[in-house]
Every structure is written in structure tokens, then in C-alpha cells.
Amino acid sequence: MSAAEIIEMIEKLPAAEQEQVRVYLEKKTASVAADGVRRMEFNKAVAIGEGVFDRHPELFRRLAQ
């Protein structure tokens, strides 16, 4: 099956199912960039970073001096 055929099939789907395809493709492209490097979602990275700062405040205070 060619990409053109798949696109044609997607265009025939109801709007709700097209949205599911869009969400899937967005997640897929976000996880592996064009350079082949896997990246995590921004919100997840922020949450992890905040957790590290919350668990080690004294370390970061000393590093900031």
C-alpha cells in the first residue's frame, strides 16, 4: 500500500478518527526527531526537572553560590 493510498483512506475517516490518527502521528514524530534522536515530551521533562530540584534543594543552593 502506498502513502497516497493511506492518505486517501485517512481522508475518508470521520473527523473523530482522523483526530486519533493526527494524535498518533504527532506523538510518533515528537518521540523521534529528523536527526534520529529520541526526545521526551516537554511537560514530562519539566516535571522530572522540578522533582530533582525538590529532592535536592541544598545541593542546588550550594551550586548557585
PDB file of N, CA and C in Angstrom:
ATOM      1  N   MET A   1       0.851  -1.173   0.000  1.00  0.00           N
ATOM      2  CA  MET A   1       0.000   0.000   0.000  1.00  0.00           C
ATOM      3  C   MET A   1       0.898   1.238   0.000  1.00  0.00           C
ATOM      4  N   SER A   2       0.560   2.181  -0.843  1.00  0.00           N
ATOM      5  CA  SER A   2       1.373   3.391  -0.941  1.00  0.00           C
ATOM      6  C   SER A   2       0.917   4.440   0.073  1.00  0.00           C
ATOM      7  N   ALA A   3       1.766   5.427   0.283  1.00  0.00           N
ATOM      8  CA  ALA A   3       1.426   6.517   1.188  1.00  0.00           C
ATOM      9  C   ALA A   3       0.200   7.267   0.683  1.00  0.00           C
ATOM     10  N   ALA A   4       0.112   7.445  -0.620  1.00  0.00           N
ATOM     11  CA  ALA A   4      -1.045   8.135  -1.203  1.00  0.00           C
ATOM     12  C   ALA A   4      -2.334   7.387  -0.898  1.00  0.00           C
ATOM     13  N   GLU A   5      -2.298   6.064  -0.952  1.00  0.00           N
ATOM     14  CA  GLU A   5      -3.483   5.263  -0.645  1.00  0.00           C
ATOM     15  C   GLU A   5      -3.864   5.390   0.836  1.00  0.00           C
ATOM     16  N   ILE A   6      -2.870   5.409   1.693  1.00  0.00           N
ATOM     17  CA  ILE A   6      -3.131   5.550   3.126  1.00  0.00           C
ATOM     18  C   ILE A   6      -3.740   6.923   3.414  1.00  0.00           C
ATOM     19  N   ILE A   7      -3.184   7.955   2.801  1.00  0.00           N
ATOM     20  CA  ILE A   7      -3.715   9.309   2.983  1.00  0.00           C
ATOM     21  C   ILE A   7      -5.162   9.378   2.508  1.00  0.00           C
ATOM     22  N   GLU A   8      -5.436   8.765   1.394  1.00  0.00           N
ATOM     23  CA  GLU A   8      -6.803   8.733   0.863  1.00  0.00           C
ATOM     24  C   GLU A   8      -7.752   8.049   1.851  1.00  0.00           C
ATOM     25  N   MET A   9      -7.296   6.956   2.460  1.00  0.00           N
ATOM     26  CA  MET A   9      -8.120   6.246   3.442  1.00  0.00           C
ATOM     27  C   MET A   9      -8.360   7.112   4.683  1.00  0.00           C
ATOM     28  N   ILE A  10      -7.323   7.813   5.119  1.00  0.00           N
ATOM     29  CA  ILE A  10      -7.452   8.681   6.292  1.00  0.00           C
ATOM     30  C   ILE A  10      -8.455   9.795   6.016  1.00  0.00           C
ATOM     31  N   GLU A  11      -8.404  10.360   4.819  1.00  0.00           N
ATOM     32  CA  GLU A  11      -9.319  11.443   4.469  1.00  0.00           C
ATOM     33  C   GLU A  11     -10.773  10.989   4.446  1.00  0.00           C
ATOM     34  N   LYS A  12     -11.007   9.707   4.273  1.00  0.00           N
ATOM     35  CA  LYS A  12     -12.374   9.172   4.248  1.00  0.00           C
ATOM     36  C   LYS A  12     -12.904   8.879   5.650  1.00  0.00           C
ATOM     37  N   LEU A  13     -12.035   8.906   6.648  1.00  0.00           N
ATOM     38  CA  LEU A  13     -12.442   8.618   8.018  1.00  0.00           C
ATOM     39  C   LEU A  13     -13.293   9.764   8.584  1.00  0.00           C
ATOM     40  N   PRO A  14     -14.145   9.443   9.568  1.00  0.00           N
ATOM     41  CA  PRO A  14     -14.865  10.507  10.277  1.00  0.00           C
ATOM     42  C   PRO A  14     -13.863  11.405  11.013  1.00  0.00           C
ATOM     43  N   ALA A  15     -14.288  12.616  11.321  1.00  0.00           N
ATOM     44  CA  ALA A  15     -13.399  13.605  11.948  1.00  0.00           C
ATOM     45  C   ALA A  15     -12.767  13.088  13.246  1.00  0.00           C
ATOM     46  N   ALA A  16     -13.534  12.379  14.055  1.00  0.00           N
ATOM     47  CA  ALA A  16     -13.000  11.870  15.325  1.00  0.00           C
ATOM     48  C   ALA A  16     -11.870  10.872  15.092  1.00  0.00           C
ATOM     49  N   GLU A  17     -12.008  10.025  14.099  1.00  0.00           N
ATOM     50  CA  GLU A  17     -10.959   9.047  13.814  1.00  0.00           C
ATOM     51  C   GLU A  17      -9.762   9.715  13.152  1.00  0.00           C
ATOM     52  N   GLN A  18      -9.998  10.739  12.344  1.00  0.00           N
ATOM     53  CA  GLN A  18      -8.879  11.499  11.781  1.00  0.00           C
ATOM     54  C   GLN A  18      -8.075  12.148  12.905  1.00  0.00           C
ATOM     55  N   GLU A  19      -8.757  12.609  13.941  1.00  0.00           N
ATOM     56  CA  GLU A  19      -8.082  13.207  15.097  1.00  0.00           C
ATOM     57  C   GLU A  19      -7.211  12.169  15.792  1.00  0.00           C
ATOM     58  N   GLN A  20      -7.688  10.938  15.900  1.00  0.00           N
ATOM     59  CA  GLN A  20      -6.884   9.873  16.517  1.00  0.00           C
ATOM     60  C   GLN A  20      -5.616   9.632  15.706  1.00  0.00           C
ATOM     61  N   VAL A  21      -5.725   9.660  14.404  1.00  0.00           N
ATOM     62  CA  VAL A  21      -4.557   9.478  13.531  1.00  0.00           C
ATOM     63  C   VAL A  21      -3.590  10.640  13.726  1.00  0.00           C
ATOM     64  N   ARG A  22      -4.128  11.868  13.797  1.00  0.00           N
ATOM     65  CA  ARG A  22      -3.277  13.043  13.979  1.00  0.00           C
ATOM     66  C   ARG A  22      -2.514  12.966  15.299  1.00  0.00           C
ATOM     67  N   VAL A  23      -3.209  12.591  16.368  1.00  0.00           N
ATOM     68  CA  VAL A  23      -2.565  12.477  17.680  1.00  0.00           C
ATOM     69  C   VAL A  23      -1.474  11.417  17.647  1.00  0.00           C
ATOM     70  N   TYR A  24      -1.756  10.284  17.031  1.00  0.00           N
ATOM     71  CA  TYR A  24      -0.765   9.207  16.916  1.00  0.00           C
ATOM     72  C   TYR A  24       0.479   9.699  16.174  1.00  0.00           C
ATOM     73  N   LEU A  25       0.273  10.349  15.040  1.00  0.00           N
ATOM     74  CA  LEU A  25       1.416  10.812  14.245  1.00  0.00           C
ATOM     75  C   LEU A  25       2.200  11.899  14.972  1.00  0.00           C
ATOM     76  N   GLU A  26       1.491  12.756  15.698  1.00  0.00           N
ATOM     77  CA  GLU A  26       2.170  13.801  16.460  1.00  0.00           C
ATOM     78  C   GLU A  26       3.069  13.197  17.539  1.00  0.00           C
ATOM     79  N   LYS A  27       2.562  12.202  18.248  1.00  0.00           N
ATOM     80  CA  LYS A  27       3.369  11.528  19.275  1.00  0.00           C
ATOM     81  C   LYS A  27       4.547  10.806  18.646  1.00  0.00           C
ATOM     82  N   LYS A  28       4.306  10.156  17.525  1.00  0.00           N
ATOM     83  CA  LYS A  28       5.360   9.392  16.851  1.00  0.00           C
ATOM     84  C   LYS A  28       6.469  10.325  16.375  1.00  0.00           C
ATOM     85  N   THR A  29       6.125  11.435  15.761  1.00  0.00           N
ATOM     86  CA  THR A  29       7.149  12.347  15.251  1.00  0.00           C
ATOM     87  C   THR A  29       7.836  13.090  16.377  1.00  0.00           C
ATOM     88  N   ALA A  30       7.128  13.322  17.481  1.00  0.00           N
ATOM     89  CA  ALA A  30       7.750  14.016  18.612  1.00  0.00           C
ATOM     90  C   ALA A  30       8.775  13.138  19.311  1.00  0.00           C
ATOM     91  N   SER A  31       8.566  11.827  19.307  1.00  0.00           N
ATOM     92  CA  SER A  31       9.478  10.951  20.034  1.00  0.00           C
ATOM     93  C   SER A  31      10.770  10.680  19.275  1.00  0.00           C
ATOM     94  N   VAL A  32      10.754  10.752  17.962  1.00  0.00           N
ATOM     95  CA  VAL A  32      11.972  10.557  17.168  1.00  0.00           C
ATOM     96  C   VAL A  32      12.070  11.697  16.163  1.00  0.00           C
ATOM     97  N   ALA A  33      13.011  12.588  16.392  1.00  0.00           N
ATOM     98  CA  ALA A  33      13.196  13.741  15.517  1.00  0.00           C
ATOM     99  C   ALA A  33      13.883  13.325  14.218  1.00  0.00           C
ATOM    100  N   ALA A  34      13.974  14.261  13.299  1.00  0.00           N
ATOM    101  CA  ALA A  34      14.588  14.002  11.996  1.00  0.00           C
ATOM    102  C   ALA A  34      16.035  13.541  12.130  1.00  0.00           C
ATOM    103  N   ASP A  35      16.701  13.962  13.201  1.00  0.00           N
ATOM    104  CA  ASP A  35      18.097  13.565  13.396  1.00  0.00           C
ATOM    105  C   ASP A  35      18.223  12.189  14.052  1.00  0.00           C
ATOM    106  N   GLY A  36      17.070  11.530  14.312  1.00  0.00           N
ATOM    107  CA  GLY A  36      17.098  10.192  14.866  1.00  0.00           C
ATOM    108  C   GLY A  36      17.246  10.128  16.379  1.00  0.00           C
ATOM    109  N   VAL A  37      17.304  11.288  17.029  1.00  0.00           N
ATOM    110  CA  VAL A  37      17.459  11.332  18.479  1.00  0.00           C
ATOM    111  C   VAL A  37      16.074  11.299  19.118  1.00  0.00           C
ATOM    112  N   ARG A  38      15.885  10.358  20.051  1.00  0.00           N
ATOM    113  CA  ARG A  38      14.612  10.283  20.758  1.00  0.00           C
ATOM    114  C   ARG A  38      14.559  11.375  21.816  1.00  0.00           C
ATOM    115  N   ARG A  39      13.412  12.009  21.920  1.00  0.00           N
ATOM    116  CA  ARG A  39      13.220  13.065  22.906  1.00  0.00           C
ATOM    117  C   ARG A  39      11.931  12.804  23.669  1.00  0.00           C
ATOM    118  N   MET A  40      11.884  13.273  24.913  1.00  0.00           N
ATOM    119  CA  MET A  40      10.659  13.097  25.687  1.00  0.00           C
ATOM    120  C   MET A  40       9.803  14.348  25.550  1.00  0.00           C
ATOM    121  N   GLU A  41       8.538  14.213  25.935  1.00  0.00           N
ATOM    122  CA  GLU A  41       7.629  15.338  25.889  1.00  0.00           C
ATOM    123  C   GLU A  41       8.115  16.428  26.836  1.00  0.00           C
ATOM    124  N   PHE A  42       7.945  17.671  26.445  1.00  0.00           N
ATOM    125  CA  PHE A  42       8.439  18.814  27.215  1.00  0.00           C
ATOM    126  C   PHE A  42       7.882  18.809  28.629  1.00  0.00           C
ATOM    127  N   ASN A  43       6.575  18.609  28.778  1.00  0.00           N
ATOM    128  CA  ASN A  43       5.955  18.638  30.108  1.00  0.00           C
ATOM    129  C   ASN A  43       6.524  17.565  31.019  1.00  0.00           C
ATOM    130  N   LYS A  44       6.815  16.404  30.468  1.00  0.00           N
ATOM    131  CA  LYS A  44       7.402  15.324  31.262  1.00  0.00           C
ATOM    132  C   LYS A  44       8.808  15.712  31.718  1.00  0.00           C
ATOM    133  N   ALA A  45       9.583  16.315  30.839  1.00  0.00           N
ATOM    134  CA  ALA A  45      10.942  16.741  31.185  1.00  0.00           C
ATOM    135  C   ALA A  45      10.919  17.801  32.281  1.00  0.00           C
ATOM    136  N   VAL A  46       9.986  18.738  32.195  1.00  0.00           N
ATOM    137  CA  VAL A  46       9.865  19.777  33.223  1.00  0.00           C
ATOM    138  C   VAL A  46       9.511  19.143  34.565  1.00  0.00           C
ATOM    139  N   ALA A  47       8.581  18.205  34.562  1.00  0.00           N
ATOM    140  CA  ALA A  47       8.179  17.543  35.811  1.00  0.00           C
ATOM    141  C   ALA A  47       9.356  16.802  36.446  1.00  0.00           C
ATOM    142  N   ILE A  48      10.146  16.129  35.647  1.00  0.00           N
ATOM    143  CA  ILE A  48      11.315  15.421  36.167  1.00  0.00           C
ATOM    144  C   ILE A  48      12.319  16.410  36.746  1.00  0.00           C
ATOM    145  N   GLY A  49      12.565  17.499  36.020  1.00  0.00           N
ATOM    146  CA  GLY A  49      13.500  18.517  36.497  1.00  0.00           C
ATOM    147  C   GLY A  49      13.054  19.132  37.818  1.00  0.00           C
ATOM    148  N   GLU A  50      11.766  19.438  37.902  1.00  0.00           N
ATOM    149  CA  GLU A  50      11.250  20.005  39.153  1.00  0.00           C
ATOM    150  C   GLU A  50      11.394  19.011  40.299  1.00  0.00           C
ATOM    151  N   GLY A  51      11.195  17.738  40.025  1.00  0.00           N
ATOM    152  CA  GLY A  51      11.349  16.715  41.049  1.00  0.00           C
ATOM    153  C   GLY A  51      12.771  16.650  41.568  1.00  0.00           C
ATOM    154  N   VAL A  52      13.729  16.773  40.677  1.00  0.00           N
ATOM    155  CA  VAL A  52      15.141  16.744  41.082  1.00  0.00           C
ATOM    156  C   VAL A  52      15.450  17.947  41.964  1.00  0.00           C
ATOM    157  N   PHE A  53      14.987  19.125  41.580  1.00  0.00           N
ATOM    158  CA  PHE A  53      15.218  20.327  42.394  1.00  0.00           C
ATOM    159  C   PHE A  53      14.541  20.201  43.754  1.00  0.00           C
ATOM    160  N   ASP A  54      13.340  19.628  43.780  1.00  0.00           N
ATOM    161  CA  ASP A  54      12.615  19.475  45.051  1.00  0.00           C
ATOM    162  C   ASP A  54      13.327  18.499  45.996  1.00  0.00           C
ATOM    163  N   ARG A  55      13.940  17.463  45.446  1.00  0.00           N
ATOM    164  CA  ARG A  55      14.598  16.455  46.286  1.00  0.00           C
ATOM    165  C   ARG A  55      15.983  16.865  46.753  1.00  0.00           C
ATOM    166  N   HIS A  56      16.606  17.818  46.062  1.00  0.00           N
ATOM    167  CA  HIS A  56      17.991  18.189  46.391  1.00  0.00           C
ATOM    168  C   HIS A  56      18.168  19.712  46.495  1.00  0.00           C
ATOM    169  N   PRO A  57      17.369  20.385  47.301  1.00  0.00           N
ATOM    170  CA  PRO A  57      17.456  21.857  47.357  1.00  0.00           C
ATOM    171  C   PRO A  57      18.802  22.365  47.873  1.00  0.00           C
ATOM    172  N   GLU A  58      19.386  21.669  48.843  1.00  0.00           N
ATOM    173  CA  GLU A  58      20.663  22.117  49.408  1.00  0.00           C
ATOM    174  C   GLU A  58      21.772  22.056  48.365  1.00  0.00           C
ATOM    175  N   LEU A  59      21.784  21.030  47.571  1.00  0.00           N
ATOM    176  CA  LEU A  59      22.786  20.891  46.502  1.00  0.00           C
ATOM    177  C   LEU A  59      22.688  22.059  45.532  1.00  0.00           C
ATOM    178  N   PHE A  60      21.496  22.375  45.108  1.00  0.00           N
ATOM    179  CA  PHE A  60      21.331  23.458  44.124  1.00  0.00           C
ATOM    180  C   PHE A  60      21.599  24.821  44.755  1.00  0.00           C
ATOM    181  N   ARG A  61      21.311  24.984  46.038  1.00  0.00           N
ATOM    182  CA  ARG A  61      21.646  26.232  46.707  1.00  0.00           C
ATOM    183  C   ARG A  61      23.156  26.420  46.721  1.00  0.00           C
ATOM    184  N   ARG A  62      23.897  25.340  47.023  1.00  0.00           N
ATOM    185  CA  ARG A  62      25.371  25.442  47.040  1.00  0.00           C
ATOM    186  C   ARG A  62      25.920  25.689  45.643  1.00  0.00           C
ATOM    187  N   LEU A  63      25.352  25.043  44.653  1.00  0.00           N
ATOM    188  CA  LEU A  63      25.833  25.244  43.285  1.00  0.00           C
ATOM    189  C   LEU A  63      25.583  26.682  42.824  1.00  0.00           C
ATOM    190  N   ALA A  64      24.553  27.296  43.333  1.00  0.00           N
ATOM    191  CA  ALA A  64      24.215  28.666  42.928  1.00  0.00           C
ATOM    192  C   ALA A  64      25.148  29.718  43.548  1.00  0.00           C
ATOM    193  N   GLN A  65      25.926  29.330  44.568  1.00  0.00           N
ATOM    194  CA  GLN A  65      26.812  30.291  45.236  1.00  0.00           C
ATOM    195  C   GLN A  65      28.024  30.610  44.408  1.00  0.00           C
TER     196      GLN A  65
END
